[in-house]
Amino acid sequence: MYKPSKKTLEKYADLLVNFALNSGKGVKKDEIVMCIVDDVAKPLLIELHKTLLKAGAHPIMRMIPTGINKDFFVHASDGQIVFFPEEYQKARCDLIDHQIGVLSEVDPQELKDINPEKIMKSADARKKVREWLDEKERRGKFTWTMGLYGTEGMAKEANMSLEEYWQEIIHACYLDKENPKEEWKKIMNEQERIKKELNSLDIDYVHAKGENIDLKVKIGPRRQWLGGNGRNIPSYEIFTSPDWRGTEGYIYFNQPLYRYGNILRDIRIEFKEGLVSKAEAGEGQEILEKMIKRENANKVGEFSLTDSRFSRITKFMANTLYDENVGGENGNMHIAVGMAYKDAFEGDARKVKKDEWEKMGFNYSPEHTDIITTEERKVTAYLLDGGSKVIYEHGKFTV
C-alpha cells in the first residue's frame, strides 16, 4: 500500500503549522494548538506534534478511532445524540489559540444508511462551539486550518489509486516544491491583489451567466471579499457572503456533493426573492429537501469563485475541501446555502448587533453546504453608479 514519504509529511506539517495558522504567519511560541486527526492519519499527526514542539507551541492531540462515528449514530439514544457538555467545550474553546483538522475518511459513504436527521440534530446540538470559536476568531484570538490525508476509500471514491490520489494532494499543496510555504505566499499576494480590486468596486449585484446558470446575487452594503488567509490547505477561492435577499434565478451544479453520509448528484436550485423556490437532484432528492428545510438553509450564505491560474487541482477528489477549489479549464464557482461569514463585513464585526446583521442580509443558519459547478460561466458585476464590469470569465478573474 502506498504511503507518503516522511519528507512529504514533514513539509505538509510545516505548511499547516508554520504558514496556515495565524493567517499566513505561522504559529507563535507558547500558543496552544489542538490537532484533531483520525487514527488512519497517525503518520501526519506525529509530524504535526513534532513541528509544533519545534515551533515552541503547546500541542493538544486528539486522535479519533476509525468507525466510531457510525457506531455513535447506530447506538446513541435521542438524549445522547443531542448531549452537549457545555462547560467542557467552553473551557476548550477558551483555552486553544488554534486548531488543525485533518480529513481522512476510511469510508466516505460510512453514514449512508444513517438517518440524516440524526446527523443534523447532533450538529445542531454542538453549534455553540462554532459560535464561540467564530467570535474568538473575530477578536483575533483564534485561527484554524484543515488538510486532507488520503485513504484507500477516498481514492476509490474518486476512481484513483491511492498513489494517484496522494499525488493530487502533493501537487495541490505544493509539497512537490522545496519550500511550499513560499509558493503559498505568492498565491496569497496575488489573492490580496484581486481582493483589493474587487473591494474597490461599489458592487450592487453580480450576475453569473452560462449554459446552465442564470443567477443574480446581491452583494449588499459594507461587504468585503475574502480568501488567502490560511484557512484550509489548499484554498484558492475568493468569496464573500452576500445579502441573501437579493438572490434570483437558477443554477445547476455539475459536481457531486458528499453530505450527511450520502452522495447528491445533478443538483439544480432556483431562487425567488432570496429564497429557494425549487431544489432538485438527480440523486439524493430526499437529503437535499431535508437540508434545505433546516433553519434558514433556503438562503445563500456564500458566493465563491476560483481562478484556474491559482488552482493545481484538476481532478475530482470526492471531498469538498478539494472540489470547492478545483481549477481546470473553467475554474469553479460555488455557492453555499445556509450560514454567512461575518468576516465578510467591512468593519469591526464585534460591534454589530444581531438585529443589524439581519438588516444587512447576513444569513444565520446551522447549515453551511458548498455546492460546486465547473461549467463555463461569465460573471458581471453591476455597480451602484449604474455601470458594469466583467470580473470573471473563462475560469479567470479579469480585474
Protein backbone atom coordinates (compact mmCIF):
# COMPACT_ATOMS: atom_id res chain seq x y z
CA MET A 1 0.00 0.00 0.00
CA TYR A 2 1.29 3.44 -0.93
CA LYS A 3 2.50 5.69 1.88
CA PRO A 4 3.60 9.32 1.51
CA SER A 5 7.27 9.80 2.29
CA LYS A 6 8.48 11.16 5.60
CA LYS A 7 9.82 14.23 3.78
CA THR A 8 6.41 14.88 2.24
CA LEU A 9 4.70 14.65 5.63
CA GLU A 10 7.33 16.91 7.20
CA LYS A 11 6.65 19.55 4.53
CA TYR A 12 2.90 19.09 4.99
CA ALA A 13 3.10 19.59 8.75
CA ASP A 14 5.39 22.58 8.32
CA LEU A 15 2.92 24.16 5.89
CA LEU A 16 -0.05 23.67 8.22
CA VAL A 17 1.77 24.83 11.36
CA ASN A 18 4.17 27.50 10.12
CA PHE A 19 2.07 29.04 7.36
CA ALA A 20 -1.64 28.30 7.66
CA LEU A 21 -2.03 29.27 11.32
CA ASN A 22 -2.04 32.95 12.25
CA SER A 23 -3.31 33.79 8.75
CA GLY A 24 -0.15 33.01 6.84
CA LYS A 25 2.33 33.90 9.57
CA GLY A 26 2.54 30.56 11.36
CA VAL A 27 2.23 29.54 14.99
CA LYS A 28 3.88 31.59 17.74
CA LYS A 29 5.82 30.44 20.78
CA ASP A 30 3.67 29.31 23.72
CA GLU A 31 0.44 29.26 21.69
CA ILE A 32 -1.86 26.29 22.32
CA VAL A 33 -2.82 24.25 19.26
CA MET A 34 -5.39 21.44 19.17
CA CYS A 35 -4.97 18.83 16.43
CA ILE A 36 -7.98 16.65 15.57
CA VAL A 37 -6.87 13.73 13.41
CA ASP A 38 -8.27 10.27 12.59
CA ASP A 39 -6.14 7.28 13.58
CA VAL A 40 -5.56 6.38 9.92
CA ALA A 41 -3.67 9.68 9.55
CA LYS A 42 -1.38 8.99 12.52
CA PRO A 43 1.82 9.49 10.44
CA LEU A 44 0.81 13.11 9.82
CA LEU A 45 -0.27 13.56 13.45
CA ILE A 46 3.23 12.56 14.58
CA GLU A 47 4.80 15.15 12.26
CA LEU A 48 2.35 17.84 13.39
CA HIS A 49 3.24 17.12 17.02
CA LYS A 50 6.95 17.35 16.30
CA THR A 51 6.59 20.54 14.23
CA LEU A 52 4.51 22.27 16.90
CA LEU A 53 7.08 21.41 19.57
CA LYS A 54 9.92 22.74 17.43
CA ALA A 55 7.96 25.98 16.98
CA GLY A 56 7.67 26.35 20.76
CA ALA A 57 3.90 25.81 20.78
CA HIS A 58 1.89 23.57 23.11
CA PRO A 59 0.19 20.75 21.15
CA ILE A 60 -3.02 19.08 22.32
CA MET A 61 -3.55 15.94 20.26
CA ARG A 62 -6.91 14.24 19.69
CA MET A 63 -6.88 11.05 17.62
CA ILE A 64 -10.26 9.67 16.51
CA PRO A 65 -10.67 5.87 16.15
CA THR A 66 -11.89 4.57 12.79
CA GLY A 67 -15.56 3.58 12.80
CA ILE A 68 -16.54 5.44 15.95
CA ASN A 69 -18.65 7.94 14.02
CA LYS A 70 -21.03 5.32 12.64
CA ASP A 71 -21.17 3.48 15.98
CA PHE A 72 -22.34 6.69 17.62
CA PHE A 73 -25.29 7.19 15.29
CA VAL A 74 -26.23 3.49 15.34
CA HIS A 75 -26.23 3.07 19.12
CA ALA A 76 -26.84 6.55 20.61
CA SER A 77 -30.21 7.35 22.14
CA ASP A 78 -32.00 10.60 21.34
CA GLY A 79 -30.58 12.08 24.53
CA GLN A 80 -27.07 11.00 23.63
CA ILE A 81 -27.45 12.41 20.11
CA VAL A 82 -28.06 15.93 21.48
CA PHE A 83 -25.85 15.70 24.58
CA PHE A 84 -23.56 18.73 24.80
CA PRO A 85 -21.01 19.06 27.64
CA GLU A 86 -21.18 22.85 27.63
CA GLU A 87 -18.70 23.62 30.42
CA TYR A 88 -16.06 21.33 28.95
CA GLN A 89 -16.50 22.63 25.41
CA LYS A 90 -16.49 26.27 26.53
CA ALA A 91 -13.28 25.70 28.51
CA ARG A 92 -11.68 24.04 25.47
CA CYS A 93 -12.65 26.94 23.20
CA ASP A 94 -11.33 29.45 25.73
CA LEU A 95 -8.05 27.56 26.06
CA ILE A 96 -6.88 26.98 22.50
CA ASP A 97 -5.30 29.58 20.22
CA HIS A 98 -5.50 27.48 17.04
CA GLN A 99 -6.97 24.27 15.68
CA ILE A 100 -5.73 21.94 12.94
CA GLY A 101 -8.16 19.41 11.48
CA VAL A 102 -7.27 16.60 9.08
CA LEU A 103 -9.91 14.90 6.92
CA SER A 104 -9.20 11.21 6.25
CA GLU A 105 -12.31 9.10 5.74
CA VAL A 106 -11.70 5.38 5.54
CA ASP A 107 -15.18 5.00 4.01
CA PRO A 108 -16.68 8.21 2.54
CA GLN A 109 -20.10 6.52 2.49
CA GLU A 110 -19.90 5.21 6.05
CA LEU A 111 -23.05 7.04 7.13
CA LYS A 112 -25.16 6.42 4.02
CA ASP A 113 -27.63 4.22 5.96
CA ILE A 114 -27.93 6.65 8.89
CA ASN A 115 -31.00 8.86 9.09
CA PRO A 116 -29.59 12.29 8.13
CA GLU A 117 -31.90 13.96 10.66
CA LYS A 118 -29.84 12.29 13.41
CA ILE A 119 -26.67 13.82 11.99
CA MET A 120 -28.31 17.23 11.71
CA LYS A 121 -29.61 17.09 15.29
CA SER A 122 -26.16 16.21 16.58
CA ALA A 123 -24.60 19.07 14.61
CA ASP A 124 -27.25 21.49 15.90
CA ALA A 125 -26.51 20.48 19.48
CA ARG A 126 -22.86 21.46 19.01
CA LYS A 127 -23.39 24.74 17.18
CA LYS A 128 -22.30 26.77 20.22
CA VAL A 129 -18.73 25.56 19.65
CA ARG A 130 -18.69 27.12 16.21
CA GLU A 131 -20.23 30.34 17.55
CA TRP A 132 -17.66 30.60 20.36
CA LEU A 133 -14.72 29.98 18.05
CA ASP A 134 -16.08 32.32 15.37
CA GLU A 135 -16.42 35.09 17.96
CA LYS A 136 -12.90 34.40 19.22
CA GLU A 137 -11.61 34.49 15.64
CA ARG A 138 -13.23 37.89 15.09
CA ARG A 139 -11.31 39.15 18.13
CA GLY A 140 -8.08 38.00 16.50
CA LYS A 141 -7.52 35.36 19.20
CA PHE A 142 -8.05 32.19 17.17
CA THR A 143 -7.23 30.71 13.74
CA TRP A 144 -7.79 27.31 12.22
CA THR A 145 -6.91 25.26 9.18
CA MET A 146 -7.92 21.99 7.53
CA GLY A 147 -5.95 19.50 5.46
CA LEU A 148 -6.55 16.17 3.74
CA TYR A 149 -4.89 12.80 4.30
CA GLY A 150 -5.61 10.35 1.50
CA THR A 151 -7.03 6.88 2.21
CA GLU A 152 -7.84 3.87 0.03
CA GLY A 153 -11.55 4.59 0.45
CA MET A 154 -11.24 8.21 -0.62
CA ALA A 155 -9.08 7.29 -3.60
CA LYS A 156 -11.54 4.60 -4.70
CA GLU A 157 -14.42 7.07 -4.45
CA ALA A 158 -12.53 9.37 -6.82
CA ASN A 159 -11.65 6.48 -9.19
CA MET A 160 -7.92 6.69 -8.47
CA SER A 161 -5.27 4.52 -6.91
CA LEU A 162 -4.05 5.64 -3.50
CA GLU A 163 -0.75 6.78 -5.02
CA GLU A 164 -2.56 8.81 -7.69
CA TYR A 165 -4.76 10.38 -5.02
CA TRP A 166 -1.76 11.35 -2.92
CA GLN A 167 -0.03 12.81 -5.95
CA GLU A 168 -3.02 15.15 -6.33
CA ILE A 169 -2.68 16.18 -2.68
CA ILE A 170 1.07 16.70 -3.03
CA HIS A 171 0.61 18.73 -6.21
CA ALA A 172 -2.29 20.80 -4.85
CA CYS A 173 -0.41 21.75 -1.69
CA TYR A 174 2.91 22.43 -3.49
CA LEU A 175 4.54 19.66 -1.46
CA ASP A 176 6.50 18.82 -4.61
CA LYS A 177 8.35 22.13 -4.20
CA GLU A 178 11.39 22.62 -2.00
CA ASN A 179 9.65 25.32 0.05
CA PRO A 180 5.84 25.02 -0.14
CA LYS A 181 5.37 28.00 2.21
CA GLU A 182 7.00 30.36 -0.28
CA GLU A 183 4.69 29.14 -3.04
CA TRP A 184 1.65 29.79 -0.87
CA LYS A 185 2.90 33.27 -0.02
CA LYS A 186 2.98 34.06 -3.74
CA ILE A 187 -0.61 32.85 -4.12
CA MET A 188 -1.68 34.85 -1.08
CA ASN A 189 -0.14 38.01 -2.53
CA GLU A 190 -2.00 37.58 -5.82
CA GLN A 191 -5.25 36.84 -3.97
CA GLU A 192 -4.71 40.04 -1.97
CA ARG A 193 -4.36 41.99 -5.21
CA ILE A 194 -7.60 40.60 -6.64
CA LYS A 195 -9.49 41.15 -3.39
CA LYS A 196 -8.29 44.76 -3.33
CA GLU A 197 -9.59 45.29 -6.86
CA LEU A 198 -12.95 43.68 -6.07
CA ASN A 199 -13.30 45.60 -2.82
CA SER A 200 -12.65 48.87 -4.66
CA LEU A 201 -15.75 48.30 -6.81
CA ASP A 202 -19.10 49.53 -5.46
CA ILE A 203 -20.93 46.36 -6.48
CA ASP A 204 -24.70 46.23 -6.24
CA TYR A 205 -25.04 42.66 -7.52
CA VAL A 206 -23.22 40.06 -9.62
CA HIS A 207 -24.78 38.15 -12.48
CA ALA A 208 -23.41 34.71 -13.34
CA LYS A 209 -24.48 33.53 -16.80
CA GLY A 210 -23.75 30.26 -18.58
CA GLU A 211 -25.45 27.40 -20.39
CA ASN A 212 -26.97 26.06 -17.15
CA ILE A 213 -26.81 29.10 -14.93
CA ASP A 214 -28.58 32.45 -14.81
CA LEU A 215 -28.14 33.73 -11.29
CA LYS A 216 -28.14 37.21 -9.78
CA VAL A 217 -26.64 37.62 -6.30
CA LYS A 218 -26.89 40.92 -4.44
CA ILE A 219 -23.62 41.68 -2.68
CA GLY A 220 -25.03 44.20 -0.24
CA PRO A 221 -23.54 47.15 1.66
CA ARG A 222 -20.35 47.00 3.73
CA ARG A 223 -19.22 43.69 2.23
CA GLN A 224 -15.66 42.62 1.52
CA TRP A 225 -14.19 39.73 -0.46
CA LEU A 226 -12.22 37.10 1.44
CA GLY A 227 -9.66 34.37 0.74
CA GLY A 228 -5.99 33.56 1.05
CA ASN A 229 -5.83 33.59 4.83
CA GLY A 230 -4.58 30.06 5.50
CA ARG A 231 -7.98 28.64 6.38
CA ASN A 232 -7.96 25.34 4.52
CA ILE A 233 -4.91 23.98 2.71
CA PRO A 234 -5.34 24.12 -0.19
CA SER A 235 -7.62 27.13 -0.68
CA TYR A 236 -7.54 29.10 -3.90
CA GLU A 237 -11.04 30.59 -3.75
CA ILE A 238 -12.08 34.22 -3.35
CA PHE A 239 -15.52 34.63 -1.83
CA THR A 240 -17.94 36.80 0.07
CA SER A 241 -21.20 36.47 1.99
CA PRO A 242 -23.91 38.32 0.08
CA ASP A 243 -27.23 39.86 1.03
CA TRP A 244 -29.36 36.72 0.74
CA ARG A 245 -32.49 38.77 -0.03
CA GLY A 246 -31.22 39.66 -3.50
CA THR A 247 -30.73 36.17 -4.95
CA GLU A 248 -32.72 35.49 -8.13
CA GLY A 249 -32.54 32.88 -10.86
CA TYR A 250 -31.26 29.34 -11.18
CA ILE A 251 -28.04 27.35 -11.09
CA TYR A 252 -27.14 23.76 -11.99
CA PHE A 253 -24.24 22.10 -10.18
CA ASN A 254 -22.38 19.54 -12.27
CA GLN A 255 -20.21 18.30 -9.41
CA PRO A 256 -21.40 15.63 -6.92
CA LEU A 257 -21.96 16.67 -3.32
CA TYR A 258 -20.99 14.48 -0.35
CA ARG A 259 -23.18 15.42 2.60
CA TYR A 260 -24.59 13.62 5.64
CA GLY A 261 -23.17 10.29 4.51
CA ASN A 262 -24.81 10.50 1.11
CA ILE A 263 -23.95 11.48 -2.46
CA LEU A 264 -26.11 14.06 -4.21
CA ARG A 265 -25.78 14.49 -7.97
CA ASP A 266 -27.11 16.86 -10.63
CA ILE A 267 -28.42 19.44 -8.19
CA ARG A 268 -30.41 22.33 -9.62
CA ILE A 269 -31.67 25.15 -7.41
CA GLU A 270 -33.96 28.06 -8.24
CA PHE A 271 -34.23 31.23 -6.15
CA LYS A 272 -37.04 33.77 -5.97
CA GLU A 273 -36.85 36.88 -3.80
CA GLY A 274 -33.85 35.42 -1.99
CA LEU A 275 -35.40 32.08 -1.08
CA VAL A 276 -35.01 28.62 -2.61
CA SER A 277 -38.19 28.17 -4.64
CA LYS A 278 -37.22 24.83 -6.18
CA ALA A 279 -34.49 22.30 -5.41
CA GLU A 280 -33.97 19.16 -7.47
CA ALA A 281 -31.34 16.42 -7.50
CA GLY A 282 -30.89 13.57 -9.95
CA GLU A 283 -29.72 11.54 -6.94
CA GLY A 284 -30.27 12.39 -3.27
CA GLN A 285 -33.52 14.36 -3.57
CA GLU A 286 -34.71 13.45 -0.08
CA ILE A 287 -31.42 14.55 1.51
CA LEU A 288 -31.47 17.82 -0.44
CA GLU A 289 -35.00 18.59 0.72
CA LYS A 290 -34.19 17.86 4.36
CA MET A 291 -31.08 20.00 4.16
CA ILE A 292 -32.94 22.96 2.64
CA LYS A 293 -35.62 22.69 5.36
CA ARG A 294 -33.09 23.35 8.12
CA GLU A 295 -33.27 26.77 9.74
CA ASN A 296 -32.50 29.41 7.07
CA ALA A 297 -30.80 26.83 4.84
CA ASN A 298 -33.04 28.02 1.99
CA LYS A 299 -30.91 31.18 1.68
CA VAL A 300 -27.45 31.86 0.27
CA GLY A 301 -24.59 32.32 2.75
CA GLU A 302 -21.60 32.39 0.39
CA PHE A 303 -20.71 33.23 -3.22
CA SER A 304 -17.30 31.99 -4.38
CA LEU A 305 -15.06 31.88 -7.45
CA THR A 306 -11.77 30.02 -8.01
CA ASP A 307 -9.26 31.22 -10.58
CA SER A 308 -7.88 28.37 -12.71
CA ARG A 309 -4.44 30.07 -12.74
CA PHE A 310 -4.11 29.55 -8.98
CA SER A 311 -5.51 26.06 -8.55
CA ARG A 312 -3.37 23.00 -9.16
CA ILE A 313 -6.41 20.75 -8.63
CA THR A 314 -7.68 19.36 -11.92
CA LYS A 315 -9.37 16.12 -10.86
CA PHE A 316 -12.50 15.27 -8.91
CA MET A 317 -11.37 14.31 -5.39
CA ALA A 318 -14.73 13.29 -3.84
CA ASN A 319 -14.11 15.73 -0.99
CA THR A 320 -15.48 19.26 -0.71
CA LEU A 321 -12.22 20.69 0.65
CA TYR A 322 -10.59 19.97 -2.70
CA ASP A 323 -13.58 20.03 -5.03
CA GLU A 324 -14.55 23.56 -4.00
CA ASN A 325 -11.05 24.63 -5.05
CA VAL A 326 -10.81 22.75 -8.35
CA GLY A 327 -9.27 24.64 -11.25
CA GLY A 328 -9.16 23.07 -14.70
CA GLU A 329 -10.22 24.94 -17.81
CA ASN A 330 -13.15 26.83 -16.26
CA GLY A 331 -12.08 27.19 -12.64
CA ASN A 332 -15.12 26.76 -10.44
CA MET A 333 -17.98 28.67 -8.93
CA HIS A 334 -19.80 27.58 -5.84
CA ILE A 335 -22.42 28.92 -3.52
CA ALA A 336 -23.20 27.78 0.00
CA VAL A 337 -26.71 27.52 1.30
CA GLY A 338 -27.00 28.45 4.96
CA MET A 339 -24.64 30.30 7.25
CA ALA A 340 -22.94 33.51 6.12
CA TYR A 341 -19.40 34.51 7.08
CA LYS A 342 -19.42 37.57 9.32
CA ASP A 343 -15.79 38.13 8.29
CA ALA A 344 -17.28 39.43 5.03
CA PHE A 345 -18.46 42.52 6.92
CA GLU A 346 -16.25 45.50 6.10
CA GLY A 347 -15.69 46.80 9.59
CA ASP A 348 -15.47 45.65 13.19
CA ALA A 349 -17.88 42.71 13.36
CA ARG A 350 -17.66 42.71 17.16
CA LYS A 351 -19.65 45.94 17.28
CA VAL A 352 -22.51 44.68 15.13
CA LYS A 353 -25.66 43.60 16.96
CA LYS A 354 -27.83 40.65 16.00
CA ASP A 355 -30.63 42.75 14.53
CA GLU A 356 -28.08 44.72 12.48
CA TRP A 357 -26.78 41.50 10.90
CA GLU A 358 -30.34 40.69 9.91
CA LYS A 359 -30.90 44.17 8.46
CA MET A 360 -27.80 43.76 6.28
CA GLY A 361 -28.93 40.35 5.00
CA PHE A 362 -26.22 38.23 6.62
CA ASN A 363 -27.82 34.80 6.91
CA TYR A 364 -27.73 32.79 10.12
CA SER A 365 -28.12 29.02 9.93
CA PRO A 366 -26.70 25.82 11.46
CA GLU A 367 -26.20 24.68 7.85
CA HIS A 368 -23.35 25.68 5.54
CA THR A 369 -23.04 23.48 2.47
CA ASP A 370 -20.93 24.36 -0.57
CA ILE A 371 -22.28 23.15 -3.91
CA ILE A 372 -19.99 23.35 -6.95
CA THR A 373 -20.11 23.84 -10.70
CA THR A 374 -17.14 23.71 -13.07
CA GLU A 375 -19.13 24.66 -16.16
CA GLU A 376 -18.14 27.76 -18.12
CA ARG A 377 -19.75 30.96 -16.89
CA LYS A 378 -19.22 34.71 -17.12
CA VAL A 379 -19.68 36.83 -14.02
CA THR A 380 -20.53 40.51 -14.41
CA ALA A 381 -20.60 42.99 -11.54
CA TYR A 382 -23.30 45.64 -11.77
CA LEU A 383 -22.22 48.74 -9.90
CA LEU A 384 -24.15 51.18 -7.75
CA ASP A 385 -23.32 54.02 -10.16
CA GLY A 386 -25.12 52.21 -12.99
CA GLY A 387 -22.01 50.85 -14.67
CA SER A 388 -20.92 47.24 -15.06
CA LYS A 389 -17.69 45.27 -15.24
CA VAL A 390 -16.91 41.65 -16.13
CA ILE A 391 -14.98 40.31 -13.14
CA TYR A 392 -14.64 36.66 -14.14
CA GLU A 393 -14.62 34.84 -17.48
CA HIS A 394 -13.11 31.65 -18.94
CA GLY A 395 -12.16 30.45 -15.46
CA LYS A 396 -10.20 33.55 -14.53
CA PHE A 397 -10.65 36.82 -12.71
CA THR A 398 -10.46 39.77 -15.09
CA VAL A 399 -9.74 42.51 -12.54
